[in-house]
Amino acid sequence: MHAAAERLVHEGPVRHRADLARVCLIDNSPVSYNVNEMNGIPIEGWTNDPSDQALLDLLPVLDSLRFTSDVRHVLGIRGYS
């Protein structure tokens, strides 16, 4: 194998690290975001209720996250973390 081509070969799975400053996780179980608590947004569990508005109620918060360089700051101010 040519030396240049040999350097391009990668053994094993490729892993991508998420930029946690740009990630939030909405879940009804805090265990789901236990490792990155500052990125978690708790929500009530969905019970097949067609009038459930929980996700819609989060829209202003989610919209505000697009204007920040680190979502964890906004989530902390709003009391989620």
PDB file of N, CA and C in Angstrom:
ATOM      1  N   MET A   1       0.849  -1.176   0.000  1.00  0.00           N
ATOM      2  CA  MET A   1       0.000   0.000   0.000  1.00  0.00           C
ATOM      3  C   MET A   1       0.894   1.238   0.000  1.00  0.00           C
ATOM      4  N   HIS A   2       0.522   2.225  -0.760  1.00  0.00           N
ATOM      5  CA  HIS A   2       1.261   3.481  -0.827  1.00  0.00           C
ATOM      6  C   HIS A   2       1.188   4.181   0.529  1.00  0.00           C
ATOM      7  N   ALA A   3       2.252   4.864   0.920  1.00  0.00           N
ATOM      8  CA  ALA A   3       2.330   5.499   2.239  1.00  0.00           C
ATOM      9  C   ALA A   3       1.199   6.504   2.462  1.00  0.00           C
ATOM     10  N   ALA A   4       0.859   7.307   1.448  1.00  0.00           N
ATOM     11  CA  ALA A   4      -0.213   8.300   1.602  1.00  0.00           C
ATOM     12  C   ALA A   4      -1.557   7.614   1.796  1.00  0.00           C
ATOM     13  N   ALA A   5      -1.822   6.557   1.043  1.00  0.00           N
ATOM     14  CA  ALA A   5      -3.081   5.827   1.173  1.00  0.00           C
ATOM     15  C   ALA A   5      -3.153   5.131   2.523  1.00  0.00           C
ATOM     16  N   GLU A   6      -2.035   4.663   3.006  1.00  0.00           N
ATOM     17  CA  GLU A   6      -2.002   3.970   4.289  1.00  0.00           C
ATOM     18  C   GLU A   6      -2.422   4.901   5.425  1.00  0.00           C
ATOM     19  N   ARG A   7      -2.077   6.165   5.347  1.00  0.00           N
ATOM     20  CA  ARG A   7      -2.442   7.124   6.397  1.00  0.00           C
ATOM     21  C   ARG A   7      -3.944   7.403   6.412  1.00  0.00           C
ATOM     22  N   LEU A   8      -4.629   7.175   5.299  1.00  0.00           N
ATOM     23  CA  LEU A   8      -6.062   7.453   5.224  1.00  0.00           C
ATOM     24  C   LEU A   8      -6.920   6.308   5.753  1.00  0.00           C
ATOM     25  N   VAL A   9      -6.321   5.159   5.960  1.00  0.00           N
ATOM     26  CA  VAL A   9      -7.067   4.000   6.450  1.00  0.00           C
ATOM     27  C   VAL A   9      -7.278   4.157   7.949  1.00  0.00           C
ATOM     28  N   HIS A  10      -8.509   3.945   8.381  1.00  0.00           N
ATOM     29  CA  HIS A  10      -8.834   4.058   9.801  1.00  0.00           C
ATOM     30  C   HIS A  10      -9.413   2.734  10.269  1.00  0.00           C
ATOM     31  N   GLU A  11      -8.847   2.189  11.289  1.00  0.00           N
ATOM     32  CA  GLU A  11      -9.337   0.933  11.845  1.00  0.00           C
ATOM     33  C   GLU A  11     -10.364   1.216  12.933  1.00  0.00           C
ATOM     34  N   GLY A  12     -11.431   0.452  12.958  1.00  0.00           N
ATOM     35  CA  GLY A  12     -12.420   0.564  14.027  1.00  0.00           C
ATOM     36  C   GLY A  12     -13.493   1.589  13.718  1.00  0.00           C
ATOM     37  N   PRO A  13     -14.484   1.672  14.609  1.00  0.00           N
ATOM     38  CA  PRO A  13     -15.608   2.589  14.389  1.00  0.00           C
ATOM     39  C   PRO A  13     -15.182   4.043  14.535  1.00  0.00           C
ATOM     40  N   VAL A  14     -15.837   4.888  13.788  1.00  0.00           N
ATOM     41  CA  VAL A  14     -15.599   6.323  13.887  1.00  0.00           C
ATOM     42  C   VAL A  14     -16.618   6.878  14.869  1.00  0.00           C
ATOM     43  N   ARG A  15     -16.151   7.631  15.827  1.00  0.00           N
ATOM     44  CA  ARG A  15     -17.048   8.223  16.816  1.00  0.00           C
ATOM     45  C   ARG A  15     -17.072   9.728  16.638  1.00  0.00           C
ATOM     46  N   HIS A  16     -18.255  10.282  16.745  1.00  0.00           N
ATOM     47  CA  HIS A  16     -18.413  11.729  16.664  1.00  0.00           C
ATOM     48  C   HIS A  16     -18.789  12.231  18.045  1.00  0.00           C
ATOM     49  N   ARG A  17     -18.115  13.259  18.479  1.00  0.00           N
ATOM     50  CA  ARG A  17     -18.436  13.847  19.771  1.00  0.00           C
ATOM     51  C   ARG A  17     -19.372  15.020  19.544  1.00  0.00           C
ATOM     52  N   ALA A  18     -20.475  15.008  20.233  1.00  0.00           N
ATOM     53  CA  ALA A  18     -21.431  16.106  20.110  1.00  0.00           C
ATOM     54  C   ALA A  18     -20.887  17.333  20.828  1.00  0.00           C
ATOM     55  N   ASP A  19     -21.135  18.477  20.262  1.00  0.00           N
ATOM     56  CA  ASP A  19     -20.791  19.729  20.913  1.00  0.00           C
ATOM     57  C   ASP A  19     -21.911  20.008  21.914  1.00  0.00           C
ATOM     58  N   LEU A  20     -21.688  19.679  23.176  1.00  0.00           N
ATOM     59  CA  LEU A  20     -22.742  19.770  24.183  1.00  0.00           C
ATOM     60  C   LEU A  20     -23.222  21.196  24.417  1.00  0.00           C
ATOM     61  N   ALA A  21     -22.491  22.161  23.939  1.00  0.00           N
ATOM     62  CA  ALA A  21     -22.951  23.544  24.033  1.00  0.00           C
ATOM     63  C   ALA A  21     -24.145  23.779  23.117  1.00  0.00           C
ATOM     64  N   ARG A  22     -24.351  22.891  22.141  1.00  0.00           N
ATOM     65  CA  ARG A  22     -25.421  23.056  21.157  1.00  0.00           C
ATOM     66  C   ARG A  22     -26.480  21.957  21.236  1.00  0.00           C
ATOM     67  N   VAL A  23     -26.476  21.163  22.313  1.00  0.00           N
ATOM     68  CA  VAL A  23     -27.368  20.007  22.414  1.00  0.00           C
ATOM     69  C   VAL A  23     -28.259  20.123  23.645  1.00  0.00           C
ATOM     70  N   CYS A  24     -29.543  19.838  23.460  1.00  0.00           N
ATOM     71  CA  CYS A  24     -30.430  19.683  24.612  1.00  0.00           C
ATOM     72  C   CYS A  24     -31.206  18.384  24.421  1.00  0.00           C
ATOM     73  N   LEU A  25     -31.601  17.796  25.529  1.00  0.00           N
ATOM     74  CA  LEU A  25     -32.339  16.538  25.500  1.00  0.00           C
ATOM     75  C   LEU A  25     -33.623  16.729  26.288  1.00  0.00           C
ATOM     76  N   ILE A  26     -34.740  16.490  25.642  1.00  0.00           N
ATOM     77  CA  ILE A  26     -36.049  16.595  26.282  1.00  0.00           C
ATOM     78  C   ILE A  26     -36.519  15.182  26.573  1.00  0.00           C
ATOM     79  N   ASP A  27     -36.781  14.894  27.842  1.00  0.00           N
ATOM     80  CA  ASP A  27     -37.192  13.536  28.193  1.00  0.00           C
ATOM     81  C   ASP A  27     -37.991  13.565  29.487  1.00  0.00           C
ATOM     82  N   ASN A  28     -38.864  12.574  29.648  1.00  0.00           N
ATOM     83  CA  ASN A  28     -39.646  12.483  30.876  1.00  0.00           C
ATOM     84  C   ASN A  28     -38.913  11.705  31.967  1.00  0.00           C
ATOM     85  N   SER A  29     -37.742  11.183  31.657  1.00  0.00           N
ATOM     86  CA  SER A  29     -36.958  10.442  32.639  1.00  0.00           C
ATOM     87  C   SER A  29     -35.597  11.110  32.832  1.00  0.00           C
ATOM     88  N   PRO A  30     -35.332  11.675  34.005  1.00  0.00           N
ATOM     89  CA  PRO A  30     -34.036  12.309  34.253  1.00  0.00           C
ATOM     90  C   PRO A  30     -32.851  11.364  34.071  1.00  0.00           C
ATOM     91  N   VAL A  31     -33.086  10.070  34.156  1.00  0.00           N
ATOM     92  CA  VAL A  31     -32.014   9.095  33.945  1.00  0.00           C
ATOM     93  C   VAL A  31     -31.452   9.233  32.531  1.00  0.00           C
ATOM     94  N   SER A  32     -32.284   9.636  31.582  1.00  0.00           N
ATOM     95  CA  SER A  32     -31.862   9.756  30.185  1.00  0.00           C
ATOM     96  C   SER A  32     -30.782  10.807  29.984  1.00  0.00           C
ATOM     97  N   TYR A  33     -30.789  11.837  30.806  1.00  0.00           N
ATOM     98  CA  TYR A  33     -29.773  12.882  30.669  1.00  0.00           C
ATOM     99  C   TYR A  33     -28.940  13.023  31.939  1.00  0.00           C
ATOM    100  N   ASN A  34     -28.875  11.959  32.711  1.00  0.00           N
ATOM    101  CA  ASN A  34     -28.131  11.945  33.966  1.00  0.00           C
ATOM    102  C   ASN A  34     -26.656  12.305  33.770  1.00  0.00           C
ATOM    103  N   VAL A  35     -26.047  11.834  32.700  1.00  0.00           N
ATOM    104  CA  VAL A  35     -24.628  12.084  32.454  1.00  0.00           C
ATOM    105  C   VAL A  35     -24.382  13.552  32.098  1.00  0.00           C
ATOM    106  N   ASN A  36     -25.330  14.163  31.411  1.00  0.00           N
ATOM    107  CA  ASN A  36     -25.211  15.570  31.004  1.00  0.00           C
ATOM    108  C   ASN A  36     -26.425  16.343  31.502  1.00  0.00           C
ATOM    109  N   GLU A  37     -26.557  16.430  32.813  1.00  0.00           N
ATOM    110  CA  GLU A  37     -27.737  17.051  33.418  1.00  0.00           C
ATOM    111  C   GLU A  37     -27.982  18.472  32.937  1.00  0.00           C
ATOM    112  N   MET A  38     -26.922  19.203  32.672  1.00  0.00           N
ATOM    113  CA  MET A  38     -27.084  20.599  32.271  1.00  0.00           C
ATOM    114  C   MET A  38     -27.692  20.740  30.876  1.00  0.00           C
ATOM    115  N   ASN A  39     -27.779  19.641  30.137  1.00  0.00           N
ATOM    116  CA  ASN A  39     -28.364  19.664  28.804  1.00  0.00           C
ATOM    117  C   ASN A  39     -29.799  19.141  28.795  1.00  0.00           C
ATOM    118  N   GLY A  40     -30.311  18.737  29.948  1.00  0.00           N
ATOM    119  CA  GLY A  40     -31.627  18.114  30.009  1.00  0.00           C
ATOM    120  C   GLY A  40     -32.761  19.078  30.263  1.00  0.00           C
ATOM    121  N   ILE A  41     -33.876  18.796  29.622  1.00  0.00           N
ATOM    122  CA  ILE A  41     -35.124  19.523  29.848  1.00  0.00           C
ATOM    123  C   ILE A  41     -36.173  18.485  30.225  1.00  0.00           C
ATOM    124  N   PRO A  42     -36.645  18.526  31.471  1.00  0.00           N
ATOM    125  CA  PRO A  42     -37.666  17.548  31.868  1.00  0.00           C
ATOM    126  C   PRO A  42     -39.022  17.884  31.250  1.00  0.00           C
ATOM    127  N   ILE A  43     -39.789  16.836  31.009  1.00  0.00           N
ATOM    128  CA  ILE A  43     -41.135  16.998  30.469  1.00  0.00           C
ATOM    129  C   ILE A  43     -41.997  15.877  31.040  1.00  0.00           C
ATOM    130  N   GLU A  44     -43.265  16.136  31.192  1.00  0.00           N
ATOM    131  CA  GLU A  44     -44.181  15.098  31.665  1.00  0.00           C
ATOM    132  C   GLU A  44     -44.287  13.993  30.616  1.00  0.00           C
ATOM    133  N   GLY A  45     -44.498  12.777  31.063  1.00  0.00           N
ATOM    134  CA  GLY A  45     -44.683  11.662  30.140  1.00  0.00           C
ATOM    135  C   GLY A  45     -45.967  11.821  29.337  1.00  0.00           C
ATOM    136  N   TRP A  46     -45.918  11.415  28.093  1.00  0.00           N
ATOM    137  CA  TRP A  46     -47.093  11.517  27.228  1.00  0.00           C
ATOM    138  C   TRP A  46     -48.001  10.330  27.494  1.00  0.00           C
ATOM    139  N   THR A  47     -49.282  10.586  27.669  1.00  0.00           N
ATOM    140  CA  THR A  47     -50.234   9.528  28.015  1.00  0.00           C
ATOM    141  C   THR A  47     -51.314   9.362  26.954  1.00  0.00           C
ATOM    142  N   ASN A  48     -50.950   9.575  25.702  1.00  0.00           N
ATOM    143  CA  ASN A  48     -51.886   9.428  24.592  1.00  0.00           C
ATOM    144  C   ASN A  48     -53.039  10.427  24.685  1.00  0.00           C
ATOM    145  N   ASP A  49     -52.754  11.590  25.254  1.00  0.00           N
ATOM    146  CA  ASP A  49     -53.754  12.641  25.415  1.00  0.00           C
ATOM    147  C   ASP A  49     -53.652  13.607  24.236  1.00  0.00           C
ATOM    148  N   PRO A  50     -54.647  13.647  23.356  1.00  0.00           N
ATOM    149  CA  PRO A  50     -54.577  14.522  22.187  1.00  0.00           C
ATOM    150  C   PRO A  50     -54.528  16.012  22.534  1.00  0.00           C
ATOM    151  N   SER A  51     -54.904  16.371  23.746  1.00  0.00           N
ATOM    152  CA  SER A  51     -54.862  17.783  24.130  1.00  0.00           C
ATOM    153  C   SER A  51     -53.553  18.155  24.841  1.00  0.00           C
ATOM    154  N   ASP A  52     -52.615  17.222  24.898  1.00  0.00           N
ATOM    155  CA  ASP A  52     -51.321  17.467  25.543  1.00  0.00           C
ATOM    156  C   ASP A  52     -50.591  18.604  24.826  1.00  0.00           C
ATOM    157  N   GLN A  53     -50.168  19.607  25.580  1.00  0.00           N
ATOM    158  CA  GLN A  53     -49.499  20.791  25.033  1.00  0.00           C
ATOM    159  C   GLN A  53     -48.059  20.927  25.523  1.00  0.00           C
ATOM    160  N   ALA A  54     -47.524  19.916  26.196  1.00  0.00           N
ATOM    161  CA  ALA A  54     -46.217  20.036  26.849  1.00  0.00           C
ATOM    162  C   ALA A  54     -45.104  20.435  25.878  1.00  0.00           C
ATOM    163  N   LEU A  55     -45.039  19.801  24.722  1.00  0.00           N
ATOM    164  CA  LEU A  55     -43.993  20.169  23.761  1.00  0.00           C
ATOM    165  C   LEU A  55     -44.212  21.570  23.203  1.00  0.00           C
ATOM    166  N   LEU A  56     -45.454  21.915  22.948  1.00  0.00           N
ATOM    167  CA  LEU A  56     -45.745  23.267  22.455  1.00  0.00           C
ATOM    168  C   LEU A  56     -45.368  24.317  23.492  1.00  0.00           C
ATOM    169  N   ASP A  57     -45.558  23.994  24.765  1.00  0.00           N
ATOM    170  CA  ASP A  57     -45.189  24.926  25.832  1.00  0.00           C
ATOM    171  C   ASP A  57     -43.681  25.173  25.879  1.00  0.00           C
ATOM    172  N   LEU A  58     -42.900  24.227  25.380  1.00  0.00           N
ATOM    173  CA  LEU A  58     -41.440  24.377  25.369  1.00  0.00           C
ATOM    174  C   LEU A  58     -40.922  25.186  24.177  1.00  0.00           C
ATOM    175  N   LEU A  59     -41.764  25.471  23.208  1.00  0.00           N
ATOM    176  CA  LEU A  59     -41.301  26.178  22.010  1.00  0.00           C
ATOM    177  C   LEU A  59     -40.584  27.496  22.307  1.00  0.00           C
ATOM    178  N   PRO A  60     -41.065  28.343  23.214  1.00  0.00           N
ATOM    179  CA  PRO A  60     -40.316  29.578  23.493  1.00  0.00           C
ATOM    180  C   PRO A  60     -38.907  29.305  24.037  1.00  0.00           C
ATOM    181  N   VAL A  61     -38.784  28.297  24.879  1.00  0.00           N
ATOM    182  CA  VAL A  61     -37.462  27.936  25.414  1.00  0.00           C
ATOM    183  C   VAL A  61     -36.571  27.431  24.289  1.00  0.00           C
ATOM    184  N   LEU A  62     -37.095  26.513  23.492  1.00  0.00           N
ATOM    185  CA  LEU A  62     -36.302  25.957  22.395  1.00  0.00           C
ATOM    186  C   LEU A  62     -35.913  27.035  21.392  1.00  0.00           C
ATOM    187  N   ASP A  63     -36.816  27.948  21.123  1.00  0.00           N
ATOM    188  CA  ASP A  63     -36.504  29.042  20.207  1.00  0.00           C
ATOM    189  C   ASP A  63     -35.386  29.916  20.761  1.00  0.00           C
ATOM    190  N   SER A  64     -35.390  30.163  22.061  1.00  0.00           N
ATOM    191  CA  SER A  64     -34.351  31.007  22.655  1.00  0.00           C
ATOM    192  C   SER A  64     -32.974  30.351  22.592  1.00  0.00           C
ATOM    193  N   LEU A  65     -32.924  29.032  22.525  1.00  0.00           N
ATOM    194  CA  LEU A  65     -31.638  28.336  22.499  1.00  0.00           C
ATOM    195  C   LEU A  65     -30.854  28.601  21.217  1.00  0.00           C
ATOM    196  N   ARG A  66     -31.539  28.949  20.153  1.00  0.00           N
ATOM    197  CA  ARG A  66     -30.820  29.171  18.891  1.00  0.00           C
ATOM    198  C   ARG A  66     -29.997  30.450  18.905  1.00  0.00           C
ATOM    199  N   PHE A  67     -30.231  31.322  19.886  1.00  0.00           N
ATOM    200  CA  PHE A  67     -29.506  32.584  19.961  1.00  0.00           C
ATOM    201  C   PHE A  67     -28.319  32.552  20.922  1.00  0.00           C
ATOM    202  N   THR A  68     -28.062  31.422  21.539  1.00  0.00           N
ATOM    203  CA  THR A  68     -26.987  31.345  22.522  1.00  0.00           C
ATOM    204  C   THR A  68     -25.844  30.474  22.012  1.00  0.00           C
ATOM    205  N   SER A  69     -24.666  30.745  22.500  1.00  0.00           N
ATOM    206  CA  SER A  69     -23.517  29.924  22.109  1.00  0.00           C
ATOM    207  C   SER A  69     -23.420  28.667  22.970  1.00  0.00           C
ATOM    208  N   ASP A  70     -24.115  28.655  24.114  1.00  0.00           N
ATOM    209  CA  ASP A  70     -24.085  27.483  24.989  1.00  0.00           C
ATOM    210  C   ASP A  70     -25.462  27.312  25.628  1.00  0.00           C
ATOM    211  N   VAL A  71     -26.196  26.296  25.191  1.00  0.00           N
ATOM    212  CA  VAL A  71     -27.562  26.078  25.675  1.00  0.00           C
ATOM    213  C   VAL A  71     -27.607  25.854  27.180  1.00  0.00           C
ATOM    214  N   ARG A  72     -26.521  25.368  27.755  1.00  0.00           N
ATOM    215  CA  ARG A  72     -26.505  25.068  29.186  1.00  0.00           C
ATOM    216  C   ARG A  72     -26.683  26.322  30.027  1.00  0.00           C
ATOM    217  N   HIS A  73     -26.214  27.460  29.531  1.00  0.00           N
ATOM    218  CA  HIS A  73     -26.403  28.716  30.267  1.00  0.00           C
ATOM    219  C   HIS A  73     -27.880  29.093  30.314  1.00  0.00           C
ATOM    220  N   VAL A  74     -28.552  29.013  29.192  1.00  0.00           N
ATOM    221  CA  VAL A  74     -29.973  29.364  29.133  1.00  0.00           C
ATOM    222  C   VAL A  74     -30.795  28.377  29.953  1.00  0.00           C
ATOM    223  N   LEU A  75     -30.501  27.094  29.824  1.00  0.00           N
ATOM    224  CA  LEU A  75     -31.255  26.089  30.573  1.00  0.00           C
ATOM    225  C   LEU A  75     -31.047  26.259  32.071  1.00  0.00           C
ATOM    226  N   GLY A  76     -29.851  26.638  32.489  1.00  0.00           N
ATOM    227  CA  GLY A  76     -29.581  26.876  33.907  1.00  0.00           C
ATOM    228  C   GLY A  76     -30.335  28.080  34.436  1.00  0.00           C
ATOM    229  N   ILE A  77     -30.384  29.152  33.648  1.00  0.00           N
ATOM    230  CA  ILE A  77     -31.108  30.368  34.046  1.00  0.00           C
ATOM    231  C   ILE A  77     -32.596  30.075  34.182  1.00  0.00           C
ATOM    232  N   ARG A  78     -33.106  29.251  33.292  1.00  0.00           N
ATOM    233  CA  ARG A  78     -34.538  28.923  33.313  1.00  0.00           C
ATOM    234  C   ARG A  78     -34.878  27.846  34.339  1.00  0.00           C
ATOM    235  N   GLY A  79     -33.876  27.353  35.047  1.00  0.00           N
ATOM    236  CA  GLY A  79     -34.119  26.407  36.130  1.00  0.00           C
ATOM    237  C   GLY A  79     -34.239  24.957  35.717  1.00  0.00           C
ATOM    238  N   TYR A  80     -33.814  24.616  34.511  1.00  0.00           N
ATOM    239  CA  TYR A  80     -33.898  23.225  34.072  1.00  0.00           C
ATOM    240  C   TYR A  80     -32.735  22.389  34.574  1.00  0.00           C
ATOM    241  N   SER A  81     -31.594  23.017  34.818  1.00  0.00           N
ATOM    242  CA  SER A  81     -30.446  22.226  35.271  1.00  0.00           C
ATOM    243  C   SER A  81     -29.948  22.718  36.604  1.00  0.00           C
TER     244      SER A  81
END
